[in-house]
Each structure stands twice: as structure tokens, then as C-alpha cells.
PDB file of N, CA and C in Angstrom:
ATOM      1  N   UNK A   1      -4.855  10.502 -10.344  1.00  0.00           N
ATOM      2  CA  UNK A   1      -3.506  10.060 -10.557  1.00  0.00           C
ATOM      3  C   UNK A   1      -2.588  11.103  -9.934  1.00  0.00           C
ATOM      4  N   UNK A   2      -1.553  10.636  -9.276  1.00  0.00           N
ATOM      5  CA  UNK A   2      -0.737  11.527  -8.455  1.00  0.00           C
ATOM      6  C   UNK A   2       0.747  11.266  -8.682  1.00  0.00           C
ATOM      7  N   UNK A   3       1.507  12.336  -8.788  1.00  0.00           N
ATOM      8  CA  UNK A   3       2.968  12.264  -8.796  1.00  0.00           C
ATOM      9  C   UNK A   3       3.461  12.766  -7.449  1.00  0.00           C
ATOM     10  N   UNK A   4       4.445  12.061  -6.886  1.00  0.00           N
ATOM     11  CA  UNK A   4       4.986  12.435  -5.583  1.00  0.00           C
ATOM     12  C   UNK A   4       6.503  12.519  -5.641  1.00  0.00           C
ATOM     13  N   UNK A   5       7.090  13.117  -4.615  1.00  0.00           N
ATOM     14  CA  UNK A   5       8.548  13.167  -4.501  1.00  0.00           C
ATOM     15  C   UNK A   5       9.089  11.744  -4.384  1.00  0.00           C
ATOM     16  N   UNK A   6      10.253  11.516  -4.949  1.00  0.00           N
ATOM     17  CA  UNK A   6      10.881  10.196  -4.937  1.00  0.00           C
ATOM     18  C   UNK A   6      11.005   9.682  -3.505  1.00  0.00           C
ATOM     19  N   UNK A   7      10.587   8.439  -3.311  1.00  0.00           N
ATOM     20  CA  UNK A   7      10.726   7.793  -2.009  1.00  0.00           C
ATOM     21  C   UNK A   7       9.611   8.079  -1.020  1.00  0.00           C
ATOM     22  N   UNK A   8       8.581   8.818  -1.433  1.00  0.00           N
ATOM     23  CA  UNK A   8       7.510   9.168  -0.493  1.00  0.00           C
ATOM     24  C   UNK A   8       6.190   8.458  -0.814  1.00  0.00           C
ATOM     25  N   UNK A   9       6.217   7.508  -1.732  1.00  0.00           N
ATOM     26  CA  UNK A   9       4.993   6.823  -2.168  1.00  0.00           C
ATOM     27  C   UNK A   9       4.190   6.266  -0.999  1.00  0.00           C
ATOM     28  N   UNK A  10       4.821   5.470  -0.159  1.00  0.00           N
ATOM     29  CA  UNK A  10       4.116   4.804   0.937  1.00  0.00           C
ATOM     30  C   UNK A  10       3.540   5.813   1.930  1.00  0.00           C
ATOM     31  N   UNK A  11       4.270   6.871   2.187  1.00  0.00           N
ATOM     32  CA  UNK A  11       3.807   7.933   3.090  1.00  0.00           C
ATOM     33  C   UNK A  11       2.530   8.581   2.541  1.00  0.00           C
ATOM     34  N   UNK A  12       2.516   8.883   1.253  1.00  0.00           N
ATOM     35  CA  UNK A  12       1.349   9.517   0.629  1.00  0.00           C
ATOM     36  C   UNK A  12       0.178   8.537   0.572  1.00  0.00           C
ATOM     37  N   UNK A  13       0.439   7.284   0.242  1.00  0.00           N
ATOM     38  CA  UNK A  13      -0.620   6.271   0.218  1.00  0.00           C
ATOM     39  C   UNK A  13      -1.291   6.198   1.591  1.00  0.00           C
ATOM     40  N   UNK A  14      -0.521   6.169   2.646  1.00  0.00           N
ATOM     41  CA  UNK A  14      -1.072   6.118   4.006  1.00  0.00           C
ATOM     42  C   UNK A  14      -1.935   7.340   4.305  1.00  0.00           C
ATOM     43  N   UNK A  15      -1.464   8.508   3.915  1.00  0.00           N
ATOM     44  CA  UNK A  15      -2.218   9.741   4.148  1.00  0.00           C
ATOM     45  C   UNK A  15      -3.520   9.744   3.357  1.00  0.00           C
ATOM     46  N   UNK A  16      -3.473   9.288   2.116  1.00  0.00           N
ATOM     47  CA  UNK A  16      -4.674   9.266   1.282  1.00  0.00           C
ATOM     48  C   UNK A  16      -5.737   8.337   1.848  1.00  0.00           C
ATOM     49  N   UNK A  17      -5.321   7.225   2.414  1.00  0.00           N
ATOM     50  CA  UNK A  17      -6.269   6.264   2.983  1.00  0.00           C
ATOM     51  C   UNK A  17      -7.046   6.841   4.157  1.00  0.00           C
ATOM     52  N   UNK A  18      -6.555   7.914   4.755  1.00  0.00           N
ATOM     53  CA  UNK A  18      -7.231   8.557   5.885  1.00  0.00           C
ATOM     54  C   UNK A  18      -8.396   9.451   5.457  1.00  0.00           C
ATOM     55  N   UNK A  19      -8.431   9.869   4.188  1.00  0.00           N
ATOM     56  CA  UNK A  19      -9.512  10.725   3.710  1.00  0.00           C
ATOM     57  C   UNK A  19     -10.780   9.900   3.520  1.00  0.00           C
ATOM     58  N   UNK A  20     -11.911  10.393   4.019  1.00  0.00           N
ATOM     59  CA  UNK A  20     -13.163   9.624   4.014  1.00  0.00           C
ATOM     60  C   UNK A  20     -13.664   9.308   2.608  1.00  0.00           C
ATOM     61  N   UNK A  21     -13.360  10.124   1.632  1.00  0.00           N
ATOM     62  CA  UNK A  21     -13.873   9.925   0.280  1.00  0.00           C
ATOM     63  C   UNK A  21     -12.986   9.020  -0.573  1.00  0.00           C
ATOM     64  N   UNK A  22     -11.817   8.650  -0.089  1.00  0.00           N
ATOM     65  CA  UNK A  22     -10.912   7.773  -0.839  1.00  0.00           C
ATOM     66  C   UNK A  22     -11.334   6.328  -0.609  1.00  0.00           C
ATOM     67  N   UNK A  23     -11.688   5.651  -1.714  1.00  0.00           N
ATOM     68  CA  UNK A  23     -12.135   4.261  -1.614  1.00  0.00           C
ATOM     69  C   UNK A  23     -10.999   3.267  -1.792  1.00  0.00           C
ATOM     70  N   UNK A  24     -10.097   3.533  -2.745  1.00  0.00           N
ATOM     71  CA  UNK A  24      -8.971   2.642  -2.997  1.00  0.00           C
ATOM     72  C   UNK A  24      -7.759   3.468  -3.389  1.00  0.00           C
ATOM     73  N   UNK A  25      -6.573   2.962  -3.052  1.00  0.00           N
ATOM     74  CA  UNK A  25      -5.325   3.626  -3.419  1.00  0.00           C
ATOM     75  C   UNK A  25      -4.359   2.563  -3.938  1.00  0.00           C
ATOM     76  N   UNK A  26      -3.695   2.868  -5.054  1.00  0.00           N
ATOM     77  CA  UNK A  26      -2.755   1.936  -5.663  1.00  0.00           C
ATOM     78  C   UNK A  26      -1.419   2.629  -5.910  1.00  0.00           C
ATOM     79  N   UNK A  27      -0.320   1.944  -5.610  1.00  0.00           N
ATOM     80  CA  UNK A  27       0.991   2.391  -6.085  1.00  0.00           C
ATOM     81  C   UNK A  27       1.144   1.809  -7.477  1.00  0.00           C
ATOM     82  N   UNK A  28       1.550   2.626  -8.455  1.00  0.00           N
ATOM     83  CA  UNK A  28       1.643   2.175  -9.846  1.00  0.00           C
ATOM     84  C   UNK A  28       3.001   2.556 -10.434  1.00  0.00           C
ATOM     85  N   UNK A  29       3.328   1.936 -11.551  1.00  0.00           N
ATOM     86  CA  UNK A  29       4.555   2.241 -12.274  1.00  0.00           C
ATOM     87  C   UNK A  29       4.191   2.915 -13.577  1.00  0.00           C
ATOM     88  N   UNK A  30       5.000   3.860 -13.998  1.00  0.00           N
ATOM     89  CA  UNK A  30       4.754   4.560 -15.246  1.00  0.00           C
ATOM     90  C   UNK A  30       4.815   6.058 -15.027  1.00  0.00           C
ATOM     91  N   UNK A  31       3.972   6.783 -15.734  1.00  0.00           N
ATOM     92  CA  UNK A  31       3.959   8.245 -15.678  1.00  0.00           C
ATOM     93  C   UNK A  31       3.555   8.743 -14.294  1.00  0.00           C
ATOM     94  N   UNK A  32       2.654   8.024 -13.634  1.00  0.00           N
ATOM     95  CA  UNK A  32       2.170   8.424 -12.311  1.00  0.00           C
ATOM     96  C   UNK A  32       2.693   7.465 -11.258  1.00  0.00           C
ATOM     97  N   UNK A  33       2.687   7.899 -10.003  1.00  0.00           N
ATOM     98  CA  UNK A  33       3.166   7.093  -8.885  1.00  0.00           C
ATOM     99  C   UNK A  33       2.030   6.417  -8.123  1.00  0.00           C
ATOM    100  N   UNK A  34       0.888   7.101  -8.050  1.00  0.00           N
ATOM    101  CA  UNK A  34      -0.242   6.633  -7.242  1.00  0.00           C
ATOM    102  C   UNK A  34      -1.537   6.898  -7.999  1.00  0.00           C
ATOM    103  N   UNK A  35      -2.475   5.966  -7.866  1.00  0.00           N
ATOM    104  CA  UNK A  35      -3.835   6.178  -8.359  1.00  0.00           C
ATOM    105  C   UNK A  35      -4.752   6.058  -7.154  1.00  0.00           C
ATOM    106  N   UNK A  36      -5.597   7.056  -6.953  1.00  0.00           N
ATOM    107  CA  UNK A  36      -6.560   7.036  -5.856  1.00  0.00           C
ATOM    108  C   UNK A  36      -7.964   7.094  -6.444  1.00  0.00           C
ATOM    109  N   UNK A  37      -8.815   6.160  -6.032  1.00  0.00           N
ATOM    110  CA  UNK A  37     -10.211   6.177  -6.428  1.00  0.00           C
ATOM    111  C   UNK A  37     -10.993   6.891  -5.334  1.00  0.00           C
ATOM    112  N   UNK A  38     -11.747   7.908  -5.735  1.00  0.00           N
ATOM    113  CA  UNK A  38     -12.544   8.659  -4.761  1.00  0.00           C
ATOM    114  C   UNK A  38     -14.011   8.639  -5.171  1.00  0.00           C
ATOM    115  N   UNK A  39     -14.878   8.764  -4.189  1.00  0.00           N
ATOM    116  CA  UNK A  39     -16.313   8.865  -4.446  1.00  0.00           C
ATOM    117  C   UNK A  39     -16.827  10.088  -3.689  1.00  0.00           C
ATOM    118  N   UNK A  40     -17.361  11.034  -4.464  1.00  0.00           N
ATOM    119  CA  UNK A  40     -17.890  12.267  -3.882  1.00  0.00           C
ATOM    120  C   UNK A  40     -19.278  12.533  -4.446  1.00  0.00           C
ATOM    121  N   UNK A  41     -19.976  13.507  -3.851  1.00  0.00           N
ATOM    122  CA  UNK A  41     -21.348  13.803  -4.249  1.00  0.00           C
ATOM    123  C   UNK A  41     -21.493  14.667  -5.480  1.00  0.00           C
ATOM    124  N   UNK A  42     -20.456  15.349  -5.878  1.00  0.00           N
ATOM    125  CA  UNK A  42     -20.560  16.229  -7.045  1.00  0.00           C
ATOM    126  C   UNK A  42     -19.249  16.935  -7.325  1.00  0.00           C
ATOM    127  N   UNK A  43     -19.299  17.799  -8.329  1.00  0.00           N
ATOM    128  CA  UNK A  43     -18.087  18.477  -8.776  1.00  0.00           C
ATOM    129  C   UNK A  43     -17.485  19.388  -7.705  1.00  0.00           C
ATOM    130  N   UNK A  44     -18.299  20.089  -6.961  1.00  0.00           N
ATOM    131  CA  UNK A  44     -17.771  20.978  -5.910  1.00  0.00           C
ATOM    132  C   UNK A  44     -17.023  20.171  -4.856  1.00  0.00           C
ATOM    133  N   UNK A  45     -17.600  19.056  -4.476  1.00  0.00           N
ATOM    134  CA  UNK A  45     -16.949  18.207  -3.476  1.00  0.00           C
ATOM    135  C   UNK A  45     -15.664  17.605  -4.038  1.00  0.00           C
ATOM    136  N   UNK A  46     -15.658  17.261  -5.311  1.00  0.00           N
ATOM    137  CA  UNK A  46     -14.443  16.744  -5.945  1.00  0.00           C
ATOM    138  C   UNK A  46     -13.359  17.806  -5.950  1.00  0.00           C
ATOM    139  N   UNK A  47     -13.725  19.006  -6.361  1.00  0.00           N
ATOM    140  CA  UNK A  47     -12.764  20.113  -6.393  1.00  0.00           C
ATOM    141  C   UNK A  47     -12.195  20.375  -5.000  1.00  0.00           C
ATOM    142  N   UNK A  48     -13.053  20.353  -4.021  1.00  0.00           N
ATOM    143  CA  UNK A  48     -12.634  20.590  -2.631  1.00  0.00           C
ATOM    144  C   UNK A  48     -11.683  19.492  -2.154  1.00  0.00           C
ATOM    145  N   UNK A  49     -12.020  18.242  -2.455  1.00  0.00           N
ATOM    146  CA  UNK A  49     -11.194  17.132  -1.980  1.00  0.00           C
ATOM    147  C   UNK A  49      -9.811  17.139  -2.618  1.00  0.00           C
ATOM    148  N   UNK A  50      -9.745  17.449  -3.900  1.00  0.00           N
ATOM    149  CA  UNK A  50      -8.451  17.457  -4.584  1.00  0.00           C
ATOM    150  C   UNK A  50      -7.642  18.691  -4.191  1.00  0.00           C
ATOM    151  N   UNK A  51      -8.247  19.859  -4.295  1.00  0.00           N
ATOM    152  CA  UNK A  51      -7.513  21.109  -4.035  1.00  0.00           C
ATOM    153  C   UNK A  51      -7.190  21.329  -2.565  1.00  0.00           C
ATOM    154  N   UNK A  52      -8.125  21.026  -1.691  1.00  0.00           N
ATOM    155  CA  UNK A  52      -7.928  21.337  -0.275  1.00  0.00           C
ATOM    156  C   UNK A  52      -7.252  20.225   0.508  1.00  0.00           C
ATOM    157  N   UNK A  53      -7.331  19.001   0.014  1.00  0.00           N
ATOM    158  CA  UNK A  53      -6.768  17.884   0.772  1.00  0.00           C
ATOM    159  C   UNK A  53      -5.570  17.249   0.061  1.00  0.00           C
ATOM    160  N   UNK A  54      -5.814  16.640  -1.066  1.00  0.00           N
ATOM    161  CA  UNK A  54      -4.755  15.867  -1.733  1.00  0.00           C
ATOM    162  C   UNK A  54      -3.564  16.718  -2.151  1.00  0.00           C
ATOM    163  N   UNK A  55      -3.800  17.824  -2.785  1.00  0.00           N
ATOM    164  CA  UNK A  55      -2.692  18.659  -3.276  1.00  0.00           C
ATOM    165  C   UNK A  55      -1.911  19.322  -2.159  1.00  0.00           C
ATOM    166  N   UNK A  56      -2.476  19.374  -0.967  1.00  0.00           N
ATOM    167  CA  UNK A  56      -1.785  20.004   0.159  1.00  0.00           C
ATOM    168  C   UNK A  56      -0.864  19.046   0.910  1.00  0.00           C
ATOM    169  N   UNK A  57      -0.906  17.762   0.558  1.00  0.00           N
ATOM    170  CA  UNK A  57       0.038  16.828   1.179  1.00  0.00           C
ATOM    171  C   UNK A  57       1.440  17.225   0.742  1.00  0.00           C
ATOM    172  N   UNK A  58       2.373  17.274   1.664  1.00  0.00           N
ATOM    173  CA  UNK A  58       3.717  17.796   1.405  1.00  0.00           C
ATOM    174  C   UNK A  58       4.437  17.182   0.223  1.00  0.00           C
ATOM    175  N   UNK A  59       4.308  15.892   0.014  1.00  0.00           N
ATOM    176  CA  UNK A  59       5.087  15.213  -1.018  1.00  0.00           C
ATOM    177  C   UNK A  59       4.413  15.159  -2.378  1.00  0.00           C
ATOM    178  N   UNK A  60       3.178  15.644  -2.477  1.00  0.00           N
ATOM    179  CA  UNK A  60       2.466  15.602  -3.760  1.00  0.00           C
ATOM    180  C   UNK A  60       3.009  16.701  -4.669  1.00  0.00           C
ATOM    181  N   UNK A  61       3.441  16.287  -5.855  1.00  0.00           N
ATOM    182  CA  UNK A  61       3.970  17.233  -6.837  1.00  0.00           C
ATOM    183  C   UNK A  61       2.907  17.653  -7.850  1.00  0.00           C
ATOM    184  N   UNK A  62       2.049  16.712  -8.269  1.00  0.00           N
ATOM    185  CA  UNK A  62       1.030  17.004  -9.274  1.00  0.00           C
ATOM    186  C   UNK A  62      -0.084  15.968  -9.216  1.00  0.00           C
ATOM    187  N   UNK A  63      -1.263  16.382  -9.664  1.00  0.00           N
ATOM    188  CA  UNK A  63      -2.389  15.464  -9.758  1.00  0.00           C
ATOM    189  C   UNK A  63      -3.024  15.586 -11.138  1.00  0.00           C
ATOM    190  N   UNK A  64      -3.712  14.537 -11.528  1.00  0.00           N
ATOM    191  CA  UNK A  64      -4.488  14.552 -12.762  1.00  0.00           C
ATOM    192  C   UNK A  64      -5.777  13.817 -12.449  1.00  0.00           C
ATOM    193  N   UNK A  65      -6.898  14.468 -12.651  1.00  0.00           N
ATOM    194  CA  UNK A  65      -8.190  13.911 -12.276  1.00  0.00           C
ATOM    195  C   UNK A  65      -8.931  13.403 -13.507  1.00  0.00           C
ATOM    196  N   UNK A  66      -9.423  12.187 -13.423  1.00  0.00           N
ATOM    197  CA  UNK A  66     -10.266  11.598 -14.450  1.00  0.00           C
ATOM    198  C   UNK A  66     -11.632  11.345 -13.837  1.00  0.00           C
ATOM    199  N   UNK A  67     -12.677  11.713 -14.551  1.00  0.00           N
ATOM    200  CA  UNK A  67     -14.039  11.509 -14.074  1.00  0.00           C
ATOM    201  C   UNK A  67     -14.629  10.351 -14.874  1.00  0.00           C
ATOM    202  N   UNK A  68     -15.104   9.329 -14.161  1.00  0.00           N
ATOM    203  CA  UNK A  68     -15.651   8.146 -14.812  1.00  0.00           C
ATOM    204  C   UNK A  68     -17.039   8.456 -15.347  1.00  0.00           C
ATOM    205  N   UNK A  69     -17.263   8.113 -16.614  1.00  0.00           N
ATOM    206  CA  UNK A  69     -18.583   8.245 -17.223  1.00  0.00           C
ATOM    207  C   UNK A  69     -19.363   6.963 -16.975  1.00  0.00           C
ATOM    208  N   UNK A  70     -20.645   7.089 -16.804  1.00  0.00           N
ATOM    209  CA  UNK A  70     -21.485   5.882 -16.581  1.00  0.00           C
ATOM    210  C   UNK A  70     -21.415   4.950 -17.748  1.00  0.00           C
TER     211      UNK A  70
END
């Protein structure tokens, strides 16, 4: 789940779709602006994808990661 600067939703959605591990991206209403579904091989890869890629996008203000349980 991602919060972005006002008016930058579509720009961030487009950027997120370029990452190989992002499967789906949704613009949402409420506490968060965007929800991105990602599929990675493990926790290290998840940490790398969020910290090194998603959080470095200029308009991203905050992220919150949820891990799906089987």
C-alpha cells in the first residue's frame, strides 16, 4: 500500500507497472492511494524491491507492506 504526493497517482502507477515483480496495481480511495501486488522469491527480495525501487520513486511518501499468509 502506497501514499503519494497529491496528483501523482497515475505517474506512480505507470512507474510501478515497469517493475518486473509487480503483478497488479490499483488506484484506491481511503487511507492509501495505491495498492501494488508483488511476487518475489523471499524476504530479502521483498525488502530490496520495496526499499531500493518503490520507495525511491520521487512521488512516494510512504509504504505499508502486507505479507499474504497461505
